[in-house]
PDB file of N, CA and C in Angstrom:
ATOM      1  N   MET A   1     -12.268  -7.434  10.407  1.00  0.00           N
ATOM      2  CA  MET A   1     -11.645  -8.142   9.322  1.00  0.00           C
ATOM      3  C   MET A   1     -10.474  -7.315   8.801  1.00  0.00           C
ATOM      4  N   SER A   2      -9.411  -7.989   8.422  1.00  0.00           N
ATOM      5  CA  SER A   2      -8.239  -7.307   7.879  1.00  0.00           C
ATOM      6  C   SER A   2      -8.304  -7.340   6.352  1.00  0.00           C
ATOM      7  N   LEU A   3      -8.318  -6.156   5.744  1.00  0.00           N
ATOM      8  CA  LEU A   3      -8.320  -6.025   4.290  1.00  0.00           C
ATOM      9  C   LEU A   3      -6.899  -5.712   3.845  1.00  0.00           C
ATOM     10  N   GLU A   4      -6.438  -6.376   2.806  1.00  0.00           N
ATOM     11  CA  GLU A   4      -5.062  -6.232   2.344  1.00  0.00           C
ATOM     12  C   GLU A   4      -5.022  -5.540   0.982  1.00  0.00           C
ATOM     13  N   PHE A   5      -4.082  -4.611   0.825  1.00  0.00           N
ATOM     14  CA  PHE A   5      -3.905  -3.869  -0.418  1.00  0.00           C
ATOM     15  C   PHE A   5      -2.416  -3.830  -0.758  1.00  0.00           C
ATOM     16  N   ALA A   6      -2.075  -4.071  -2.015  1.00  0.00           N
ATOM     17  CA  ALA A   6      -0.707  -3.906  -2.516  1.00  0.00           C
ATOM     18  C   ALA A   6      -0.731  -2.639  -3.370  1.00  0.00           C
ATOM     19  N   LEU A   7      -0.102  -1.571  -2.881  1.00  0.00           N
ATOM     20  CA  LEU A   7      -0.234  -0.252  -3.491  1.00  0.00           C
ATOM     21  C   LEU A   7       0.938   0.123  -4.389  1.00  0.00           C
ATOM     22  N   MET A   8       0.633   0.950  -5.391  1.00  0.00           N
ATOM     23  CA  MET A   8       1.642   1.547  -6.262  1.00  0.00           C
ATOM     24  C   MET A   8       2.026   2.919  -5.704  1.00  0.00           C
ATOM     25  N   ASN A   9       3.192   3.407  -6.072  1.00  0.00           N
ATOM     26  CA  ASN A   9       3.646   4.784  -5.836  1.00  0.00           C
ATOM     27  C   ASN A   9       3.977   5.132  -4.385  1.00  0.00           C
ATOM     28  N   VAL A  10       4.079   4.161  -3.498  1.00  0.00           N
ATOM     29  CA  VAL A  10       4.447   4.454  -2.111  1.00  0.00           C
ATOM     30  C   VAL A  10       5.959   4.611  -2.062  1.00  0.00           C
ATOM     31  N   LYS A  11       6.426   5.790  -1.629  1.00  0.00           N
ATOM     32  CA  LYS A  11       7.854   6.086  -1.677  1.00  0.00           C
ATOM     33  C   LYS A  11       8.491   6.383  -0.325  1.00  0.00           C
ATOM     34  N   CYS A  12       7.707   6.910   0.624  1.00  0.00           N
ATOM     35  CA  CYS A  12       8.334   7.356   1.871  1.00  0.00           C
ATOM     36  C   CYS A  12       7.299   7.469   2.992  1.00  0.00           C
ATOM     37  N   GLY A  13       7.763   7.922   4.130  1.00  0.00           N
ATOM     38  CA  GLY A  13       6.885   8.116   5.275  1.00  0.00           C
ATOM     39  C   GLY A  13       5.817   9.168   5.038  1.00  0.00           C
ATOM     40  N   GLY A  14       6.114  10.164   4.191  1.00  0.00           N
ATOM     41  CA  GLY A  14       5.105  11.171   3.854  1.00  0.00           C
ATOM     42  C   GLY A  14       3.925  10.532   3.141  1.00  0.00           C
ATOM     43  N   CYS A  15       4.226   9.623   2.218  1.00  0.00           N
ATOM     44  CA  CYS A  15       3.166   8.869   1.538  1.00  0.00           C
ATOM     45  C   CYS A  15       2.368   8.080   2.580  1.00  0.00           C
ATOM     46  N   GLY A  16       3.093   7.443   3.480  1.00  0.00           N
ATOM     47  CA  GLY A  16       2.441   6.647   4.518  1.00  0.00           C
ATOM     48  C   GLY A  16       1.500   7.462   5.375  1.00  0.00           C
ATOM     49  N   ASN A  17       1.932   8.656   5.778  1.00  0.00           N
ATOM     50  CA  ASN A  17       1.066   9.522   6.584  1.00  0.00           C
ATOM     51  C   ASN A  17      -0.210   9.871   5.829  1.00  0.00           C
ATOM     52  N   SER A  18      -0.083  10.243   4.562  1.00  0.00           N
ATOM     53  CA  SER A  18      -1.258  10.605   3.759  1.00  0.00           C
ATOM     54  C   SER A  18      -2.200   9.421   3.593  1.00  0.00           C
ATOM     55  N   ILE A  19      -1.638   8.256   3.320  1.00  0.00           N
ATOM     56  CA  ILE A  19      -2.452   7.054   3.127  1.00  0.00           C
ATOM     57  C   ILE A  19      -3.185   6.695   4.410  1.00  0.00           C
ATOM     58  N   ARG A  20      -2.466   6.602   5.513  1.00  0.00           N
ATOM     59  CA  ARG A  20      -3.107   6.215   6.774  1.00  0.00           C
ATOM     60  C   ARG A  20      -4.167   7.226   7.189  1.00  0.00           C
ATOM     61  N   ARG A  21      -3.875   8.499   7.061  1.00  0.00           N
ATOM     62  CA  ARG A  21      -4.838   9.540   7.448  1.00  0.00           C
ATOM     63  C   ARG A  21      -6.123   9.411   6.618  1.00  0.00           C
ATOM     64  N   ALA A  22      -5.985   9.254   5.308  1.00  0.00           N
ATOM     65  CA  ALA A  22      -7.153   9.158   4.424  1.00  0.00           C
ATOM     66  C   ALA A  22      -7.988   7.918   4.727  1.00  0.00           C
ATOM     67  N   VAL A  23      -7.323   6.803   4.978  1.00  0.00           N
ATOM     68  CA  VAL A  23      -8.041   5.556   5.252  1.00  0.00           C
ATOM     69  C   VAL A  23      -8.712   5.613   6.624  1.00  0.00           C
ATOM     70  N   LEU A  24      -8.019   6.146   7.616  1.00  0.00           N
ATOM     71  CA  LEU A  24      -8.592   6.225   8.962  1.00  0.00           C
ATOM     72  C   LEU A  24      -9.767   7.195   9.038  1.00  0.00           C
ATOM     73  N   ASP A  25      -9.891   8.101   8.074  1.00  0.00           N
ATOM     74  CA  ASP A  25     -11.029   9.028   8.030  1.00  0.00           C
ATOM     75  C   ASP A  25     -12.313   8.363   7.551  1.00  0.00           C
ATOM     76  N   ILE A  26     -12.228   7.157   7.028  1.00  0.00           N
ATOM     77  CA  ILE A  26     -13.414   6.441   6.549  1.00  0.00           C
ATOM     78  C   ILE A  26     -14.113   5.795   7.746  1.00  0.00           C
ATOM     79  N   GLU A  27     -15.394   6.100   7.895  1.00  0.00           N
ATOM     80  CA  GLU A  27     -16.157   5.544   9.017  1.00  0.00           C
ATOM     81  C   GLU A  27     -16.192   4.023   8.914  1.00  0.00           C
ATOM     82  N   GLY A  28     -15.852   3.356  10.009  1.00  0.00           N
ATOM     83  CA  GLY A  28     -15.822   1.905  10.050  1.00  0.00           C
ATOM     84  C   GLY A  28     -14.418   1.329  10.029  1.00  0.00           C
ATOM     85  N   VAL A  29     -13.431   2.148   9.687  1.00  0.00           N
ATOM     86  CA  VAL A  29     -12.033   1.705   9.690  1.00  0.00           C
ATOM     87  C   VAL A  29     -11.470   1.921  11.088  1.00  0.00           C
ATOM     88  N   SER A  30     -10.940   0.858  11.689  1.00  0.00           N
ATOM     89  CA  SER A  30     -10.425   0.977  13.057  1.00  0.00           C
ATOM     90  C   SER A  30      -8.903   1.073  13.118  1.00  0.00           C
ATOM     91  N   ALA A  31      -8.202   0.608  12.083  1.00  0.00           N
ATOM     92  CA  ALA A  31      -6.737   0.684  12.080  1.00  0.00           C
ATOM     93  C   ALA A  31      -6.225   0.543  10.650  1.00  0.00           C
ATOM     94  N   ALA A  32      -5.047   1.121  10.418  1.00  0.00           N
ATOM     95  CA  ALA A  32      -4.392   1.006   9.111  1.00  0.00           C
ATOM     96  C   ALA A  32      -2.891   0.916   9.336  1.00  0.00           C
ATOM     97  N   ARG A  33      -2.263  -0.129   8.776  1.00  0.00           N
ATOM     98  CA  ARG A  33      -0.829  -0.332   8.905  1.00  0.00           C
ATOM     99  C   ARG A  33      -0.226  -0.421   7.506  1.00  0.00           C
ATOM    100  N   LEU A  34       0.861   0.301   7.298  1.00  0.00           N
ATOM    101  CA  LEU A  34       1.489   0.338   5.977  1.00  0.00           C
ATOM    102  C   LEU A  34       2.967   0.017   6.092  1.00  0.00           C
ATOM    103  N   ASP A  35       3.429  -0.897   5.254  1.00  0.00           N
ATOM    104  CA  ASP A  35       4.858  -1.159   5.099  1.00  0.00           C
ATOM    105  C   ASP A  35       5.301  -0.332   3.893  1.00  0.00           C
ATOM    106  N   VAL A  36       6.016   0.755   4.150  1.00  0.00           N
ATOM    107  CA  VAL A  36       6.398   1.685   3.086  1.00  0.00           C
ATOM    108  C   VAL A  36       7.280   1.003   2.044  1.00  0.00           C
ATOM    109  N   GLU A  37       8.179   0.143   2.460  1.00  0.00           N
ATOM    110  CA  GLU A  37       9.098  -0.504   1.515  1.00  0.00           C
ATOM    111  C   GLU A  37       8.376  -1.372   0.497  1.00  0.00           C
ATOM    112  N   SER A  38       7.379  -2.129   0.943  1.00  0.00           N
ATOM    113  CA  SER A  38       6.674  -3.043   0.036  1.00  0.00           C
ATOM    114  C   SER A  38       5.401  -2.441  -0.545  1.00  0.00           C
ATOM    115  N   GLY A  39       4.883  -1.375   0.068  1.00  0.00           N
ATOM    116  CA  GLY A  39       3.618  -0.797  -0.364  1.00  0.00           C
ATOM    117  C   GLY A  39       2.420  -1.605   0.097  1.00  0.00           C
ATOM    118  N   HIS A  40       2.630  -2.487   1.070  1.00  0.00           N
ATOM    119  CA  HIS A  40       1.553  -3.336   1.578  1.00  0.00           C
ATOM    120  C   HIS A  40       0.780  -2.610   2.673  1.00  0.00           C
ATOM    121  N   LEU A  41      -0.531  -2.482   2.474  1.00  0.00           N
ATOM    122  CA  LEU A  41      -1.416  -1.820   3.427  1.00  0.00           C
ATOM    123  C   LEU A  41      -2.386  -2.839   3.989  1.00  0.00           C
ATOM    124  N   SER A  42      -2.504  -2.878   5.299  1.00  0.00           N
ATOM    125  CA  SER A  42      -3.457  -3.737   5.987  1.00  0.00           C
ATOM    126  C   SER A  42      -4.420  -2.837   6.746  1.00  0.00           C
ATOM    127  N   VAL A  43      -5.718  -3.015   6.503  1.00  0.00           N
ATOM    128  CA  VAL A  43      -6.740  -2.150   7.085  1.00  0.00           C
ATOM    129  C   VAL A  43      -7.734  -2.995   7.863  1.00  0.00           C
ATOM    130  N   ASP A  44      -7.987  -2.635   9.118  1.00  0.00           N
ATOM    131  CA  ASP A  44      -9.012  -3.301   9.912  1.00  0.00           C
ATOM    132  C   ASP A  44     -10.337  -2.601   9.653  1.00  0.00           C
ATOM    133  N   ALA A  45     -11.200  -3.281   8.872  1.00  0.00           N
ATOM    134  CA  ALA A  45     -12.486  -2.708   8.475  1.00  0.00           C
ATOM    135  C   ALA A  45     -13.373  -3.827   7.931  1.00  0.00           C
ATOM    136  N   PRO A  46     -14.679  -3.592   7.890  1.00  0.00           N
ATOM    137  CA  PRO A  46     -15.581  -4.580   7.294  1.00  0.00           C
ATOM    138  C   PRO A  46     -15.307  -4.751   5.797  1.00  0.00           C
ATOM    139  N   LEU A  47     -15.528  -5.945   5.287  1.00  0.00           N
ATOM    140  CA  LEU A  47     -15.306  -6.250   3.878  1.00  0.00           C
ATOM    141  C   LEU A  47     -16.080  -5.301   2.964  1.00  0.00           C
ATOM    142  N   GLY A  48     -17.250  -4.854   3.389  1.00  0.00           N
ATOM    143  CA  GLY A  48     -18.073  -3.952   2.591  1.00  0.00           C
ATOM    144  C   GLY A  48     -17.424  -2.607   2.306  1.00  0.00           C
ATOM    145  N   LEU A  49     -16.366  -2.259   3.030  1.00  0.00           N
ATOM    146  CA  LEU A  49     -15.676  -0.984   2.818  1.00  0.00           C
ATOM    147  C   LEU A  49     -14.508  -1.088   1.833  1.00  0.00           C
ATOM    148  N   ARG A  50     -14.222  -2.299   1.349  1.00  0.00           N
ATOM    149  CA  ARG A  50     -13.038  -2.483   0.503  1.00  0.00           C
ATOM    150  C   ARG A  50     -13.052  -1.568  -0.727  1.00  0.00           C
ATOM    151  N   ALA A  51     -14.178  -1.511  -1.434  1.00  0.00           N
ATOM    152  CA  ALA A  51     -14.261  -0.687  -2.651  1.00  0.00           C
ATOM    153  C   ALA A  51     -14.095   0.797  -2.327  1.00  0.00           C
ATOM    154  N   GLU A  52     -14.674   1.252  -1.219  1.00  0.00           N
ATOM    155  CA  GLU A  52     -14.546   2.662  -0.827  1.00  0.00           C
ATOM    156  C   GLU A  52     -13.097   3.006  -0.490  1.00  0.00           C
ATOM    157  N   ILE A  53     -12.423   2.099   0.207  1.00  0.00           N
ATOM    158  CA  ILE A  53     -11.019   2.320   0.557  1.00  0.00           C
ATOM    159  C   ILE A  53     -10.166   2.364  -0.711  1.00  0.00           C
ATOM    160  N   ALA A  54     -10.382   1.413  -1.622  1.00  0.00           N
ATOM    161  CA  ALA A  54      -9.615   1.377  -2.871  1.00  0.00           C
ATOM    162  C   ALA A  54      -9.841   2.650  -3.687  1.00  0.00           C
ATOM    163  N   ALA A  55     -11.076   3.141  -3.717  1.00  0.00           N
ATOM    164  CA  ALA A  55     -11.378   4.376  -4.458  1.00  0.00           C
ATOM    165  C   ALA A  55     -10.680   5.574  -3.828  1.00  0.00           C
ATOM    166  N   ARG A  56     -10.650   5.637  -2.501  1.00  0.00           N
ATOM    167  CA  ARG A  56      -9.975   6.742  -1.807  1.00  0.00           C
ATOM    168  C   ARG A  56      -8.480   6.704  -2.102  1.00  0.00           C
ATOM    169  N   LEU A  57      -7.895   5.506  -2.082  1.00  0.00           N
ATOM    170  CA  LEU A  57      -6.468   5.360  -2.371  1.00  0.00           C
ATOM    171  C   LEU A  57      -6.149   5.782  -3.805  1.00  0.00           C
ATOM    172  N   LEU A  58      -6.993   5.395  -4.758  1.00  0.00           N
ATOM    173  CA  LEU A  58      -6.796   5.784  -6.153  1.00  0.00           C
ATOM    174  C   LEU A  58      -6.861   7.300  -6.301  1.00  0.00           C
ATOM    175  N   LYS A  59      -7.810   7.925  -5.625  1.00  0.00           N
ATOM    176  CA  LYS A  59      -7.961   9.383  -5.697  1.00  0.00           C
ATOM    177  C   LYS A  59      -6.702  10.093  -5.187  1.00  0.00           C
ATOM    178  N   LEU A  60      -6.042   9.505  -4.185  1.00  0.00           N
ATOM    179  CA  LEU A  60      -4.813  10.077  -3.634  1.00  0.00           C
ATOM    180  C   LEU A  60      -3.591   9.820  -4.517  1.00  0.00           C
ATOM    181  N   GLY A  61      -3.718   8.859  -5.442  1.00  0.00           N
ATOM    182  CA  GLY A  61      -2.587   8.518  -6.303  1.00  0.00           C
ATOM    183  C   GLY A  61      -1.884   7.234  -5.908  1.00  0.00           C
ATOM    184  N   TYR A  62      -2.538   6.419  -5.078  1.00  0.00           N
ATOM    185  CA  TYR A  62      -1.952   5.156  -4.626  1.00  0.00           C
ATOM    186  C   TYR A  62      -2.884   3.994  -4.978  1.00  0.00           C
ATOM    187  N   PRO A  63      -3.035   3.688  -6.280  1.00  0.00           N
ATOM    188  CA  PRO A  63      -3.927   2.589  -6.668  1.00  0.00           C
ATOM    189  C   PRO A  63      -3.328   1.237  -6.307  1.00  0.00           C
ATOM    190  N   GLU A  64      -4.186   0.224  -6.315  1.00  0.00           N
ATOM    191  CA  GLU A  64      -3.692  -1.129  -6.104  1.00  0.00           C
ATOM    192  C   GLU A  64      -2.850  -1.535  -7.312  1.00  0.00           C
ATOM    193  N   GLN A  65      -1.816  -2.305  -7.061  1.00  0.00           N
ATOM    194  CA  GLN A  65      -0.934  -2.756  -8.137  1.00  0.00           C
ATOM    195  C   GLN A  65      -1.750  -3.482  -9.200  1.00  0.00           C
ATOM    196  N   GLY A  66      -1.510  -3.118 -10.462  1.00  0.00           N
ATOM    197  CA  GLY A  66      -2.182  -3.764 -11.573  1.00  0.00           C
ATOM    198  C   GLY A  66      -3.575  -3.248 -11.875  1.00  0.00           C
ATOM    199  N   SER A  67      -4.059  -2.266 -11.128  1.00  0.00           N
ATOM    200  CA  SER A  67      -5.430  -1.786 -11.333  1.00  0.00           C
ATOM    201  C   SER A  67      -5.524  -0.640 -12.334  1.00  0.00           C
ATOM    202  N   VAL A  68      -4.413   0.017 -12.643  1.00  0.00           N
ATOM    203  CA  VAL A  68      -4.415   1.110 -13.621  1.00  0.00           C
ATOM    204  C   VAL A  68      -3.211   0.970 -14.549  1.00  0.00           C
ATOM    205  N   GLU A  69      -3.376   1.479 -15.782  1.00  0.00           N
ATOM    206  CA  GLU A  69      -2.295   1.423 -16.771  1.00  0.00           C
ATOM    207  C   GLU A  69      -2.251   2.726 -17.548  1.00  0.00           C
ATOM    208  N   GLY A  70      -1.209   2.917 -18.318  1.00  0.00           N
ATOM    209  CA  GLY A  70      -1.106   4.041 -19.233  1.00  0.00           C
ATOM    210  C   GLY A  70      -1.235   5.394 -18.568  1.00  0.00           C
ATOM    211  N   LEU A  71      -2.096   6.243 -19.153  1.00  0.00           N
ATOM    212  CA  LEU A  71      -2.270   7.601 -18.639  1.00  0.00           C
ATOM    213  C   LEU A  71      -2.812   7.612 -17.216  1.00  0.00           C
ATOM    214  N   ALA A  72      -3.669   6.648 -16.889  1.00  0.00           N
ATOM    215  CA  ALA A  72      -4.202   6.585 -15.527  1.00  0.00           C
ATOM    216  C   ALA A  72      -3.082   6.331 -14.525  1.00  0.00           C
ATOM    217  N   ALA A  73      -2.118   5.497 -14.895  1.00  0.00           N
ATOM    218  CA  ALA A  73      -0.979   5.227 -14.016  1.00  0.00           C
ATOM    219  C   ALA A  73      -0.104   6.471 -13.874  1.00  0.00           C
ATOM    220  N   LEU A  74       0.100   7.196 -14.982  1.00  0.00           N
ATOM    221  CA  LEU A  74       0.882   8.439 -14.915  1.00  0.00           C
ATOM    222  C   LEU A  74       0.185   9.475 -14.041  1.00  0.00           C
ATOM    223  N   SER A  75      -1.118   9.582 -14.186  1.00  0.00           N
ATOM    224  CA  SER A  75      -1.896  10.517 -13.376  1.00  0.00           C
ATOM    225  C   SER A  75      -1.802  10.156 -11.897  1.00  0.00           C
ATOM    226  N   ALA A  76      -1.911   8.859 -11.592  1.00  0.00           N
ATOM    227  CA  ALA A  76      -1.806   8.415 -10.202  1.00  0.00           C
ATOM    228  C   ALA A  76      -0.433   8.755  -9.639  1.00  0.00           C
ATOM    229  N   GLY A  77       0.610   8.580 -10.443  1.00  0.00           N
ATOM    230  CA  GLY A  77       1.961   8.914  -9.994  1.00  0.00           C
ATOM    231  C   GLY A  77       2.099  10.386  -9.655  1.00  0.00           C
ATOM    232  N   ALA A  78       1.524  11.245 -10.492  1.00  0.00           N
ATOM    233  CA  ALA A  78       1.583  12.691 -10.233  1.00  0.00           C
ATOM    234  C   ALA A  78       0.816  13.055  -8.968  1.00  0.00           C
ATOM    235  N   LYS A  79      -0.360  12.461  -8.793  1.00  0.00           N
ATOM    236  CA  LYS A  79      -1.158  12.736  -7.590  1.00  0.00           C
ATOM    237  C   LYS A  79      -0.415  12.285  -6.334  1.00  0.00           C
ATOM    238  N   SER A  80       0.291  11.158  -6.444  1.00  0.00           N
ATOM    239  CA  SER A  80       0.992  10.639  -5.268  1.00  0.00           C
ATOM    240  C   SER A  80       2.093  11.590  -4.808  1.00  0.00           C
ATOM    241  N   PHE A  81       2.724  12.319  -5.729  1.00  0.00           N
ATOM    242  CA  PHE A  81       3.751  13.290  -5.330  1.00  0.00           C
ATOM    243  C   PHE A  81       3.152  14.387  -4.458  1.00  0.00           C
ATOM    244  N   VAL A  82       1.969  14.858  -4.817  1.00  0.00           N
ATOM    245  CA  VAL A  82       1.290  15.887  -4.025  1.00  0.00           C
ATOM    246  C   VAL A  82       0.891  15.324  -2.666  1.00  0.00           C
ATOM    247  N   SER A  83       0.289  14.130  -2.655  1.00  0.00           N
ATOM    248  CA  SER A  83      -0.114  13.502  -1.393  1.00  0.00           C
ATOM    249  C   SER A  83       1.089  13.262  -0.492  1.00  0.00           C
ATOM    250  N   CYS A  84       2.194  12.853  -1.095  1.00  0.00           N
ATOM    251  CA  CYS A  84       3.426  12.615  -0.350  1.00  0.00           C
ATOM    252  C   CYS A  84       3.910  13.900   0.307  1.00  0.00           C
ATOM    253  N   ALA A  85       3.931  14.985  -0.456  1.00  0.00           N
ATOM    254  CA  ALA A  85       4.396  16.271   0.084  1.00  0.00           C
ATOM    255  C   ALA A  85       3.531  16.715   1.252  1.00  0.00           C
ATOM    256  N   ILE A  86       2.228  16.565   1.116  1.00  0.00           N
ATOM    257  CA  ILE A  86       1.323  16.925   2.214  1.00  0.00           C
ATOM    258  C   ILE A  86       1.607  16.054   3.430  1.00  0.00           C
ATOM    259  N   GLY A  87       1.809  14.760   3.205  1.00  0.00           N
ATOM    260  CA  GLY A  87       2.083  13.834   4.300  1.00  0.00           C
ATOM    261  C   GLY A  87       3.369  14.135   5.037  1.00  0.00           C
ATOM    262  N   ARG A  88       4.343  14.701   4.348  1.00  0.00           N
ATOM    263  CA  ARG A  88       5.621  15.037   4.992  1.00  0.00           C
ATOM    264  C   ARG A  88       5.476  16.178   5.992  1.00  0.00           C
ATOM    265  N   PHE A  89       4.484  17.032   5.787  1.00  0.00           N
ATOM    266  CA  PHE A  89       4.318  18.201   6.643  1.00  0.00           C
ATOM    267  C   PHE A  89       3.220  18.036   7.683  1.00  0.00           C
ATOM    268  N   THR A  90       2.681  16.830   7.806  1.00  0.00           N
ATOM    269  CA  THR A  90       1.646  16.586   8.801  1.00  0.00           C
ATOM    270  C   THR A  90       2.123  15.530   9.782  1.00  0.00           C
ATOM    271  N   ASP A  91       1.527  15.535  10.945  1.00  0.00           N
ATOM    272  CA  ASP A  91       1.870  14.544  11.958  1.00  0.00           C
ATOM    273  C   ASP A  91       1.359  13.177  11.544  1.00  0.00           C
ATOM    274  N   GLU A  92       2.040  12.145  12.031  1.00  0.00           N
ATOM    275  CA  GLU A  92       1.607  10.789  11.757  1.00  0.00           C
ATOM    276  C   GLU A  92       0.277  10.544  12.460  1.00  0.00           C
ATOM    277  N   PRO A  93      -0.710   9.955  11.747  1.00  0.00           N
ATOM    278  CA  PRO A  93      -2.010   9.700  12.374  1.00  0.00           C
ATOM    279  C   PRO A  93      -1.902   8.622  13.439  1.00  0.00           C
ATOM    280  N   LYS A  94      -2.810   8.642  14.361  1.00  0.00           N
ATOM    281  CA  LYS A  94      -2.853   7.641  15.425  1.00  0.00           C
ATOM    282  C   LYS A  94      -3.509   6.382  14.878  1.00  0.00           C
ATOM    283  N   SER A  95      -2.963   5.210  15.252  1.00  0.00           N
ATOM    284  CA  SER A  95      -3.438   3.876  14.896  1.00  0.00           C
ATOM    285  C   SER A  95      -2.824   3.351  13.663  1.00  0.00           C
TER     286      SER A  95
END
């Protein structure tokens, strides 16, 4: 099943690498595709993994659009800068 996510704070390929790597590390996820420009993430995984994937994305600083506000949104933005920097220095994950 394809799970769809509209993410906040996606800025570049480094963000994309971090997002795909984190999602592909979840057991049961077979593929992850991200459109960096729109922040749209498509994940091939069972529906039962949706909450776990969303929680992992939030922890990295890439929450779903409209899911956080105020200080939580600021915190997510700061976390995404760190995740982005890490993603810039790592190879693109397979799949």
